[in-house]
N, C-alpha and C. Protein backbone atom coordinates (compact mmCIF):
# COMPACT_ATOMS: atom_id res chain seq x y z
N UNK A 1 13.76 -13.43 8.65
CA UNK A 1 13.31 -12.19 8.05
C UNK A 1 13.11 -11.17 9.17
N UNK A 2 13.59 -9.97 8.96
CA UNK A 2 13.43 -8.91 9.96
C UNK A 2 12.73 -7.73 9.33
N UNK A 3 12.08 -6.95 10.17
CA UNK A 3 11.43 -5.73 9.71
C UNK A 3 12.14 -4.53 10.32
N UNK A 4 12.09 -3.42 9.64
CA UNK A 4 12.74 -2.20 10.10
C UNK A 4 11.67 -1.25 10.60
N UNK A 5 11.81 -0.78 11.83
CA UNK A 5 10.88 0.18 12.37
C UNK A 5 11.12 1.54 11.72
N UNK A 6 10.08 2.34 11.56
CA UNK A 6 10.26 3.64 10.89
C UNK A 6 11.02 4.63 11.77
N UNK A 7 11.63 5.60 11.12
CA UNK A 7 12.32 6.67 11.81
C UNK A 7 11.30 7.75 12.14
N UNK A 8 11.39 8.31 13.32
CA UNK A 8 10.46 9.35 13.74
C UNK A 8 11.09 10.70 13.51
N UNK A 9 10.40 11.56 12.75
CA UNK A 9 10.89 12.91 12.47
C UNK A 9 9.89 13.89 13.08
N UNK A 10 10.38 14.81 13.92
CA UNK A 10 9.53 15.80 14.56
C UNK A 10 9.99 17.19 14.12
N UNK A 11 9.05 18.00 13.66
CA UNK A 11 9.35 19.39 13.28
C UNK A 11 8.56 20.28 14.24
N UNK A 12 9.28 21.12 14.98
CA UNK A 12 8.65 22.02 15.94
C UNK A 12 8.86 23.46 15.49
N UNK A 13 7.84 24.30 15.67
CA UNK A 13 7.95 25.72 15.38
C UNK A 13 8.05 26.48 16.70
N UNK A 14 9.07 27.35 16.79
CA UNK A 14 9.28 28.15 17.99
C UNK A 14 9.32 29.62 17.60
N UNK A 15 8.83 30.51 18.48
CA UNK A 15 8.92 31.94 18.18
C UNK A 15 10.38 32.35 18.02
N UNK A 16 10.65 33.18 17.03
CA UNK A 16 12.03 33.58 16.78
C UNK A 16 12.13 35.05 16.43
N UNK A 17 13.33 35.49 16.05
CA UNK A 17 13.58 36.88 15.74
C UNK A 17 13.59 37.16 14.24
N UNK A 18 13.29 36.19 13.42
CA UNK A 18 13.36 36.37 11.98
C UNK A 18 12.21 37.23 11.46
N UNK A 19 12.22 37.48 10.15
CA UNK A 19 11.18 38.29 9.52
C UNK A 19 9.81 37.65 9.68
N UNK A 20 9.75 36.34 9.63
CA UNK A 20 8.48 35.64 9.80
C UNK A 20 8.12 35.46 11.26
N UNK A 21 9.07 35.58 12.15
CA UNK A 21 8.81 35.46 13.57
C UNK A 21 8.83 34.03 14.09
N UNK A 22 9.10 33.04 13.25
CA UNK A 22 9.11 31.65 13.69
C UNK A 22 10.38 30.96 13.23
N UNK A 23 10.86 30.03 14.04
CA UNK A 23 12.03 29.23 13.72
C UNK A 23 11.65 27.76 13.78
N UNK A 24 12.02 27.02 12.76
CA UNK A 24 11.72 25.59 12.74
C UNK A 24 12.89 24.81 13.30
N UNK A 25 12.61 23.86 14.17
CA UNK A 25 13.63 22.97 14.71
C UNK A 25 13.21 21.55 14.38
N UNK A 26 14.16 20.79 13.88
CA UNK A 26 13.88 19.41 13.47
C UNK A 26 14.62 18.45 14.37
N UNK A 27 13.91 17.43 14.83
CA UNK A 27 14.52 16.37 15.64
C UNK A 27 14.27 15.04 14.95
N UNK A 28 15.34 14.28 14.74
CA UNK A 28 15.22 12.97 14.11
C UNK A 28 15.59 11.92 15.14
N UNK A 29 14.64 11.03 15.42
CA UNK A 29 14.88 9.94 16.37
C UNK A 29 14.86 8.65 15.58
N UNK A 30 16.02 8.05 15.42
CA UNK A 30 16.13 6.81 14.66
C UNK A 30 16.01 5.65 15.64
N UNK A 31 14.84 5.02 15.64
CA UNK A 31 14.68 3.87 16.53
C UNK A 31 15.55 2.73 16.04
N UNK A 32 15.62 2.54 14.72
CA UNK A 32 16.55 1.62 14.10
C UNK A 32 16.58 0.21 14.65
N UNK A 33 15.59 -0.19 15.37
CA UNK A 33 15.59 -1.54 15.92
C UNK A 33 15.05 -2.51 14.88
N UNK A 34 15.80 -3.53 14.64
CA UNK A 34 15.33 -4.57 13.72
C UNK A 34 14.52 -5.56 14.53
N UNK A 35 13.29 -5.75 14.12
CA UNK A 35 12.43 -6.69 14.84
C UNK A 35 12.13 -7.88 13.94
N UNK A 36 12.10 -9.05 14.50
CA UNK A 36 11.78 -10.21 13.67
C UNK A 36 10.32 -10.16 13.22
N UNK A 37 10.11 -10.44 11.95
CA UNK A 37 8.75 -10.44 11.41
C UNK A 37 8.04 -11.70 11.86
N UNK A 38 6.76 -11.59 12.16
CA UNK A 38 6.03 -12.79 12.58
C UNK A 38 5.91 -13.78 11.43
N UNK A 39 6.00 -15.04 11.77
CA UNK A 39 5.88 -16.07 10.75
C UNK A 39 4.41 -16.40 10.54
N UNK A 40 4.05 -16.57 9.30
CA UNK A 40 2.66 -16.93 8.99
C UNK A 40 2.44 -18.39 9.33
N UNK A 41 1.34 -18.65 9.96
CA UNK A 41 1.03 -20.03 10.34
C UNK A 41 0.35 -20.74 9.18
N UNK A 42 0.49 -22.03 9.15
CA UNK A 42 -0.20 -22.83 8.14
C UNK A 42 -1.69 -22.81 8.43
N UNK A 43 -2.52 -22.77 7.39
CA UNK A 43 -3.96 -22.78 7.64
C UNK A 43 -4.38 -24.09 8.30
N UNK A 44 -5.31 -24.00 9.22
CA UNK A 44 -5.76 -25.18 9.94
C UNK A 44 -6.75 -26.00 9.12
N UNK A 45 -7.46 -25.35 8.24
CA UNK A 45 -8.40 -26.06 7.39
C UNK A 45 -8.21 -25.60 5.95
N UNK A 46 -8.69 -26.36 5.04
CA UNK A 46 -8.48 -26.05 3.64
C UNK A 46 -9.23 -24.77 3.27
N UNK A 47 -8.53 -23.85 2.63
CA UNK A 47 -9.13 -22.58 2.23
C UNK A 47 -9.90 -22.77 0.93
N UNK A 48 -11.01 -22.06 0.79
CA UNK A 48 -11.77 -22.19 -0.45
C UNK A 48 -11.00 -21.61 -1.63
N UNK A 49 -11.11 -22.25 -2.77
CA UNK A 49 -10.42 -21.81 -3.98
C UNK A 49 -11.44 -21.07 -4.84
N UNK A 50 -11.10 -19.86 -5.32
CA UNK A 50 -12.06 -19.13 -6.15
C UNK A 50 -12.32 -19.86 -7.46
N UNK A 51 -13.51 -19.69 -7.98
CA UNK A 51 -13.89 -20.34 -9.23
C UNK A 51 -13.11 -19.72 -10.39
N UNK A 52 -12.84 -20.52 -11.39
CA UNK A 52 -12.13 -20.03 -12.58
C UNK A 52 -13.03 -19.07 -13.35
N UNK A 53 -12.41 -18.06 -13.97
CA UNK A 53 -13.17 -17.10 -14.75
C UNK A 53 -13.54 -17.71 -16.09
N UNK A 54 -14.80 -17.65 -16.41
CA UNK A 54 -15.27 -18.11 -17.71
C UNK A 54 -15.99 -16.95 -18.38
N UNK A 55 -15.47 -16.46 -19.52
CA UNK A 55 -16.09 -15.31 -20.16
C UNK A 55 -17.49 -15.64 -20.67
N UNK A 56 -18.38 -14.70 -20.53
CA UNK A 56 -19.75 -14.85 -21.02
C UNK A 56 -19.80 -14.40 -22.48
N UNK A 57 -20.85 -14.74 -23.18
CA UNK A 57 -20.98 -14.27 -24.56
C UNK A 57 -21.05 -12.75 -24.61
N UNK A 58 -20.57 -12.18 -25.70
CA UNK A 58 -20.52 -10.74 -25.88
C UNK A 58 -21.94 -10.17 -25.98
N UNK A 59 -22.19 -9.12 -25.22
CA UNK A 59 -23.50 -8.45 -25.28
C UNK A 59 -23.35 -7.00 -25.72
N UNK A 60 -22.27 -6.67 -26.42
CA UNK A 60 -22.06 -5.31 -26.90
C UNK A 60 -23.15 -4.95 -27.92
N UNK A 61 -23.50 -3.68 -27.95
CA UNK A 61 -24.58 -3.23 -28.84
C UNK A 61 -24.03 -2.56 -30.09
N UNK A 62 -22.87 -2.96 -30.55
CA UNK A 62 -22.28 -2.36 -31.74
C UNK A 62 -22.74 -3.10 -32.98
N UNK A 63 -22.99 -2.35 -34.05
CA UNK A 63 -23.36 -2.97 -35.33
C UNK A 63 -22.11 -3.53 -35.98
N UNK A 64 -22.24 -4.64 -36.64
CA UNK A 64 -21.11 -5.22 -37.35
C UNK A 64 -20.21 -6.07 -36.47
N UNK A 65 -20.63 -6.43 -35.31
CA UNK A 65 -19.81 -7.29 -34.46
C UNK A 65 -18.95 -6.49 -33.50
N UNK A 66 -18.37 -7.18 -32.59
CA UNK A 66 -17.55 -6.55 -31.56
C UNK A 66 -16.11 -7.02 -31.72
N UNK A 67 -15.17 -6.07 -31.71
CA UNK A 67 -13.76 -6.41 -31.86
C UNK A 67 -13.03 -6.47 -30.51
N UNK A 68 -13.74 -6.31 -29.42
CA UNK A 68 -13.10 -6.31 -28.10
C UNK A 68 -12.68 -7.72 -27.72
N UNK A 69 -11.60 -7.80 -26.99
CA UNK A 69 -11.08 -9.08 -26.53
C UNK A 69 -11.63 -9.33 -25.12
N UNK A 70 -12.89 -9.76 -25.03
CA UNK A 70 -13.55 -9.91 -23.74
C UNK A 70 -12.92 -11.01 -22.88
N UNK A 71 -12.28 -11.96 -23.48
CA UNK A 71 -11.67 -13.04 -22.71
C UNK A 71 -10.50 -12.53 -21.88
N UNK A 72 -9.88 -11.41 -22.30
CA UNK A 72 -8.72 -10.88 -21.59
C UNK A 72 -8.97 -9.51 -20.99
N UNK A 73 -10.21 -9.08 -20.87
CA UNK A 73 -10.52 -7.77 -20.27
C UNK A 73 -10.42 -7.84 -18.78
């Protein structure tokens, strides 16, 4: 797997003879070097596993029951 380095774009403003008095010059430097992406190492110790989500009972204050699907919110 390789990663692509970003292209550097430079915009410079120089005094000019136009109505606005400034001229923009753009320089594009394409580094374009493909670099190998670092490989992720295996964990040295077992990582903790998050607890499973267990929905709690509905505490909505609506009269006539709650129609919300709290298990999938």
